[in-house]
Amino acid sequence: MARASSVRIMIIVGVLALALAASAKAQTPTPTPAPLKFYAVTPCRLVDTRNPVISTNGGPHLAGGSPRNFQITGLCGVPGSAKAASLNVALLTPTKSGFLEVWPFNTPYPGNFSTINAAAGEPAIANGAIVPLTADPNFNISLVYGTSGGGTADTIIDVTGYFQ
């Protein structure tokens, strides 16, 4: 009987020790990264796919379902050290109803959000977005005009600031 009591006491002490250890671990603060500072820039046009000249940040039109990559850093006063950009993104004259998604270049396609939703034939619709940037000097963001198949649209992207 004494042995059963001492086993019970050892189990109770063990459970209490585990509970205290878990409580202490839960109270240990997790280091938080330093906050990024916002730097405003004079609004500046970064991308305009209506421009017929095929270039990194110009034409051709967006093709439905085909991702495009664009440069942000090094343009319009956004330094290469920027971690994110404050953008005004517009979708113009989509031929099919769909959406526009913007995400950091060279990262997996997120596929679970939209920056803009638009109906076919809508002249223009815009939305603000804060988009994380990759450190690649050539491309910083990717975007896709998503439709149920095919279609074309244009996009305009203006920068209003950046974070670093």
C-alpha atoms as a PDB file:
ATOM      1  CA  MET A   1       0.000   0.000   0.000  1.00  0.00           C
ATOM      2  CA  ALA A   2       2.876   2.345   0.790  1.00  0.00           C
ATOM      3  CA  ARG A   3       4.338   1.546  -2.572  1.00  0.00           C
ATOM      4  CA  ALA A   4       1.087   2.476  -4.380  1.00  0.00           C
ATOM      5  CA  SER A   5       0.961   5.772  -2.502  1.00  0.00           C
ATOM      6  CA  SER A   6       4.549   6.650  -3.406  1.00  0.00           C
ATOM      7  CA  VAL A   7       3.893   5.788  -7.080  1.00  0.00           C
ATOM      8  CA  ARG A   8       0.849   8.100  -7.041  1.00  0.00           C
ATOM      9  CA  ILE A   9       2.889  10.867  -5.453  1.00  0.00           C
ATOM     10  CA  MET A  10       5.649  10.430  -8.059  1.00  0.00           C
ATOM     11  CA  ILE A  11       3.079  10.611 -10.886  1.00  0.00           C
ATOM     12  CA  ILE A  12       1.493  13.739  -9.401  1.00  0.00           C
ATOM     13  CA  VAL A  13       4.912  15.374  -8.945  1.00  0.00           C
ATOM     14  CA  GLY A  14       5.858  14.440 -12.541  1.00  0.00           C
ATOM     15  CA  VAL A  15       2.640  15.892 -13.962  1.00  0.00           C
ATOM     16  CA  LEU A  16       3.126  19.098 -11.952  1.00  0.00           C
ATOM     17  CA  ALA A  17       6.731  19.375 -13.170  1.00  0.00           C
ATOM     18  CA  LEU A  18       5.612  18.985 -16.799  1.00  0.00           C
ATOM     19  CA  ALA A  19       2.864  21.578 -16.310  1.00  0.00           C
ATOM     20  CA  LEU A  20       5.315  24.050 -14.785  1.00  0.00           C
ATOM     21  CA  ALA A  21       7.831  23.482 -17.578  1.00  0.00           C
ATOM     22  CA  ALA A  22       5.138  24.009 -20.239  1.00  0.00           C
ATOM     23  CA  SER A  23       3.964  27.150 -18.460  1.00  0.00           C
ATOM     24  CA  ALA A  24       7.494  28.542 -18.279  1.00  0.00           C
ATOM     25  CA  LYS A  25       8.052  27.817 -21.977  1.00  0.00           C
ATOM     26  CA  ALA A  26       4.767  29.496 -22.924  1.00  0.00           C
ATOM     27  CA  GLN A  27       5.808  32.623 -21.019  1.00  0.00           C
ATOM     28  CA  THR A  28       9.189  32.888 -22.736  1.00  0.00           C
ATOM     29  CA  PRO A  29       8.822  35.801 -25.151  1.00  0.00           C
ATOM     30  CA  THR A  30       9.390  35.077 -28.826  1.00  0.00           C
ATOM     31  CA  PRO A  31      11.779  37.583 -30.361  1.00  0.00           C
ATOM     32  CA  THR A  32       9.966  39.819 -32.805  1.00  0.00           C
ATOM     33  CA  PRO A  33      11.675  41.207 -35.871  1.00  0.00           C
ATOM     34  CA  ALA A  34      12.373  44.911 -35.920  1.00  0.00           C
ATOM     35  CA  PRO A  35       9.504  46.815 -37.527  1.00  0.00           C
ATOM     36  CA  LEU A  36      10.003  48.092 -41.043  1.00  0.00           C
ATOM     37  CA  LYS A  37       9.839  51.824 -41.686  1.00  0.00           C
ATOM     38  CA  PHE A  38       7.660  53.265 -44.441  1.00  0.00           C
ATOM     39  CA  TYR A  39       9.151  55.750 -46.907  1.00  0.00           C
ATOM     40  CA  ALA A  40       6.742  57.613 -49.168  1.00  0.00           C
ATOM     41  CA  VAL A  41       7.702  58.418 -52.739  1.00  0.00           C
ATOM     42  CA  THR A  42       6.013  60.682 -55.235  1.00  0.00           C
ATOM     43  CA  PRO A  43       3.542  58.366 -57.015  1.00  0.00           C
ATOM     44  CA  CYS A  44       5.337  56.961 -60.015  1.00  0.00           C
ATOM     45  CA  ARG A  45       4.331  54.594 -62.823  1.00  0.00           C
ATOM     46  CA  LEU A  46       6.286  51.311 -62.694  1.00  0.00           C
ATOM     47  CA  VAL A  47       4.303  49.108 -65.077  1.00  0.00           C
ATOM     48  CA  ASP A  48       1.990  49.822 -68.009  1.00  0.00           C
ATOM     49  CA  THR A  49       1.284  46.849 -70.262  1.00  0.00           C
ATOM     50  CA  ARG A  50      -0.694  49.103 -72.647  1.00  0.00           C
ATOM     51  CA  ASN A  51       2.692  50.332 -73.874  1.00  0.00           C
ATOM     52  CA  PRO A  52       3.105  48.449 -77.163  1.00  0.00           C
ATOM     53  CA  VAL A  53       6.877  48.309 -76.795  1.00  0.00           C
ATOM     54  CA  ILE A  54       7.762  44.909 -75.370  1.00  0.00           C
ATOM     55  CA  SER A  55       9.883  45.592 -72.315  1.00  0.00           C
ATOM     56  CA  THR A  56      10.399  44.408 -68.772  1.00  0.00           C
ATOM     57  CA  ASN A  57       7.692  46.709 -67.407  1.00  0.00           C
ATOM     58  CA  GLY A  58       5.629  47.352 -70.544  1.00  0.00           C
ATOM     59  CA  GLY A  59       3.782  45.345 -73.191  1.00  0.00           C
ATOM     60  CA  PRO A  60       2.547  42.941 -74.264  1.00  0.00           C
ATOM     61  CA  HIS A  61      -0.951  42.632 -72.793  1.00  0.00           C
ATOM     62  CA  LEU A  62      -1.437  40.129 -69.969  1.00  0.00           C
ATOM     63  CA  ALA A  63      -2.585  36.736 -71.219  1.00  0.00           C
ATOM     64  CA  GLY A  64      -5.052  34.895 -68.997  1.00  0.00           C
ATOM     65  CA  GLY A  65      -3.291  32.336 -66.800  1.00  0.00           C
ATOM     66  CA  SER A  66       0.248  33.373 -67.815  1.00  0.00           C
ATOM     67  CA  PRO A  67       2.304  34.847 -64.951  1.00  0.00           C
ATOM     68  CA  ARG A  68       4.447  37.923 -65.623  1.00  0.00           C
ATOM     69  CA  ASN A  69       7.356  39.255 -63.568  1.00  0.00           C
ATOM     70  CA  PHE A  70       8.168  42.902 -62.976  1.00  0.00           C
ATOM     71  CA  GLN A  71      10.979  44.982 -61.519  1.00  0.00           C
ATOM     72  CA  ILE A  72      10.208  47.374 -58.664  1.00  0.00           C
ATOM     73  CA  THR A  73      13.539  48.148 -56.963  1.00  0.00           C
ATOM     74  CA  GLY A  74      15.863  50.559 -58.703  1.00  0.00           C
ATOM     75  CA  LEU A  75      12.904  52.375 -60.255  1.00  0.00           C
ATOM     76  CA  CYS A  76      10.942  55.439 -59.109  1.00  0.00           C
ATOM     77  CA  GLY A  77      13.116  55.934 -56.028  1.00  0.00           C
ATOM     78  CA  VAL A  78      12.616  52.415 -54.601  1.00  0.00           C
ATOM     79  CA  PRO A  79      16.054  51.238 -53.392  1.00  0.00           C
ATOM     80  CA  GLY A  80      17.379  47.703 -53.782  1.00  0.00           C
ATOM     81  CA  SER A  81      17.184  47.322 -49.998  1.00  0.00           C
ATOM     82  CA  ALA A  82      13.359  47.709 -49.948  1.00  0.00           C
ATOM     83  CA  LYS A  83      11.567  44.774 -48.320  1.00  0.00           C
ATOM     84  CA  ALA A  84       8.032  45.628 -49.512  1.00  0.00           C
ATOM     85  CA  ALA A  85       6.318  48.183 -51.715  1.00  0.00           C
ATOM     86  CA  SER A  86       3.070  50.102 -51.419  1.00  0.00           C
ATOM     87  CA  LEU A  87       1.467  49.802 -54.839  1.00  0.00           C
ATOM     88  CA  ASN A  88      -1.652  51.002 -56.612  1.00  0.00           C
ATOM     89  CA  VAL A  89      -2.549  48.186 -59.004  1.00  0.00           C
ATOM     90  CA  ALA A  90      -5.112  48.615 -61.799  1.00  0.00           C
ATOM     91  CA  LEU A  91      -6.643  46.015 -64.115  1.00  0.00           C
ATOM     92  CA  LEU A  92      -7.869  47.467 -67.405  1.00  0.00           C
ATOM     93  CA  THR A  93     -10.243  46.162 -70.065  1.00  0.00           C
ATOM     94  CA  PRO A  94     -10.269  42.461 -69.170  1.00  0.00           C
ATOM     95  CA  THR A  95     -11.832  40.434 -71.970  1.00  0.00           C
ATOM     96  CA  LYS A  96     -12.976  37.750 -69.498  1.00  0.00           C
ATOM     97  CA  SER A  97     -14.170  37.981 -65.906  1.00  0.00           C
ATOM     98  CA  GLY A  98     -11.347  37.136 -63.570  1.00  0.00           C
ATOM     99  CA  PHE A  99      -8.874  38.388 -61.030  1.00  0.00           C
ATOM    100  CA  LEU A 100      -5.361  39.768 -60.687  1.00  0.00           C
ATOM    101  CA  GLU A 101      -2.970  38.314 -58.112  1.00  0.00           C
ATOM    102  CA  VAL A 102       0.338  39.930 -57.114  1.00  0.00           C
ATOM    103  CA  TRP A 103       2.990  38.129 -55.025  1.00  0.00           C
ATOM    104  CA  PRO A 104       6.779  38.166 -54.443  1.00  0.00           C
ATOM    105  CA  PHE A 105       8.819  36.980 -57.434  1.00  0.00           C
ATOM    106  CA  ASN A 106      10.397  33.532 -57.323  1.00  0.00           C
ATOM    107  CA  THR A 107       8.115  32.288 -54.540  1.00  0.00           C
ATOM    108  CA  PRO A 108       5.381  29.685 -54.956  1.00  0.00           C
ATOM    109  CA  TYR A 109       2.159  30.857 -56.561  1.00  0.00           C
ATOM    110  CA  PRO A 110      -0.142  31.452 -53.581  1.00  0.00           C
ATOM    111  CA  GLY A 111      -3.402  30.864 -55.438  1.00  0.00           C
ATOM    112  CA  ASN A 112      -5.630  31.726 -52.484  1.00  0.00           C
ATOM    113  CA  PHE A 113      -6.302  35.466 -52.762  1.00  0.00           C
ATOM    114  CA  SER A 114      -6.875  38.179 -55.325  1.00  0.00           C
ATOM    115  CA  THR A 115      -5.683  41.745 -55.421  1.00  0.00           C
ATOM    116  CA  ILE A 116      -8.468  42.720 -57.840  1.00  0.00           C
ATOM    117  CA  ASN A 117     -11.622  41.010 -59.118  1.00  0.00           C
ATOM    118  CA  ALA A 118     -13.119  42.298 -62.364  1.00  0.00           C
ATOM    119  CA  ALA A 119     -15.942  41.591 -64.775  1.00  0.00           C
ATOM    120  CA  ALA A 120     -15.328  41.162 -68.497  1.00  0.00           C
ATOM    121  CA  GLY A 121     -15.289  44.505 -70.290  1.00  0.00           C
ATOM    122  CA  GLU A 122     -14.855  46.569 -67.133  1.00  0.00           C
ATOM    123  CA  PRO A 123     -12.899  49.666 -68.241  1.00  0.00           C
ATOM    124  CA  ALA A 124     -10.665  49.854 -65.159  1.00  0.00           C
ATOM    125  CA  ILE A 125     -10.612  48.810 -61.540  1.00  0.00           C
ATOM    126  CA  ALA A 126      -7.840  49.566 -59.036  1.00  0.00           C
ATOM    127  CA  ASN A 127      -6.797  48.510 -55.567  1.00  0.00           C
ATOM    128  CA  GLY A 128      -3.975  49.282 -53.183  1.00  0.00           C
ATOM    129  CA  ALA A 129      -1.593  46.513 -52.151  1.00  0.00           C
ATOM    130  CA  ILE A 130       1.468  46.146 -49.968  1.00  0.00           C
ATOM    131  CA  VAL A 131       3.585  43.464 -51.601  1.00  0.00           C
ATOM    132  CA  PRO A 132       6.747  41.879 -50.166  1.00  0.00           C
ATOM    133  CA  LEU A 133       9.672  42.177 -52.579  1.00  0.00           C
ATOM    134  CA  THR A 134      12.407  39.717 -53.375  1.00  0.00           C
ATOM    135  CA  ALA A 135      16.021  40.838 -53.464  1.00  0.00           C
ATOM    136  CA  ASP A 136      16.474  39.810 -57.125  1.00  0.00           C
ATOM    137  CA  PRO A 137      17.742  42.923 -58.983  1.00  0.00           C
ATOM    138  CA  ASN A 138      15.819  42.065 -62.167  1.00  0.00           C
ATOM    139  CA  PHE A 139      12.385  41.058 -60.875  1.00  0.00           C
ATOM    140  CA  ASN A 140      10.665  41.694 -57.540  1.00  0.00           C
ATOM    141  CA  ILE A 141       7.013  40.758 -58.060  1.00  0.00           C
ATOM    142  CA  SER A 142       4.966  38.339 -60.114  1.00  0.00           C
ATOM    143  CA  LEU A 143       1.355  38.701 -61.170  1.00  0.00           C
ATOM    144  CA  VAL A 144      -1.234  36.723 -63.061  1.00  0.00           C
ATOM    145  CA  TYR A 145      -4.528  37.601 -64.727  1.00  0.00           C
ATOM    146  CA  GLY A 146      -6.617  34.600 -63.726  1.00  0.00           C
ATOM    147  CA  THR A 147      -9.646  33.593 -65.765  1.00  0.00           C
ATOM    148  CA  SER A 148     -11.626  30.468 -66.450  1.00  0.00           C
ATOM    149  CA  GLY A 149      -9.567  30.196 -69.640  1.00  0.00           C
ATOM    150  CA  GLY A 150      -7.947  32.606 -72.074  1.00  0.00           C
ATOM    151  CA  GLY A 151      -8.584  36.312 -72.272  1.00  0.00           C
ATOM    152  CA  THR A 152      -6.355  39.353 -72.165  1.00  0.00           C
ATOM    153  CA  ALA A 153      -6.124  42.441 -69.977  1.00  0.00           C
ATOM    154  CA  ASP A 154      -3.744  45.245 -69.183  1.00  0.00           C
ATOM    155  CA  THR A 155      -2.312  46.383 -65.895  1.00  0.00           C
ATOM    156  CA  ILE A 156      -0.897  49.588 -64.527  1.00  0.00           C
ATOM    157  CA  ILE A 157       1.169  49.583 -61.344  1.00  0.00           C
ATOM    158  CA  ASP A 158       2.145  52.786 -59.563  1.00  0.00           C
ATOM    159  CA  VAL A 159       4.372  52.883 -56.484  1.00  0.00           C
ATOM    160  CA  THR A 160       3.497  55.195 -53.590  1.00  0.00           C
ATOM    161  CA  GLY A 161       6.146  54.078 -51.104  1.00  0.00           C
ATOM    162  CA  TYR A 162       8.312  51.286 -49.800  1.00  0.00           C
ATOM    163  CA  PHE A 163       9.274  49.592 -46.533  1.00  0.00           C
ATOM    164  CA  GLN A 164      12.773  48.814 -45.269  1.00  0.00           C
END
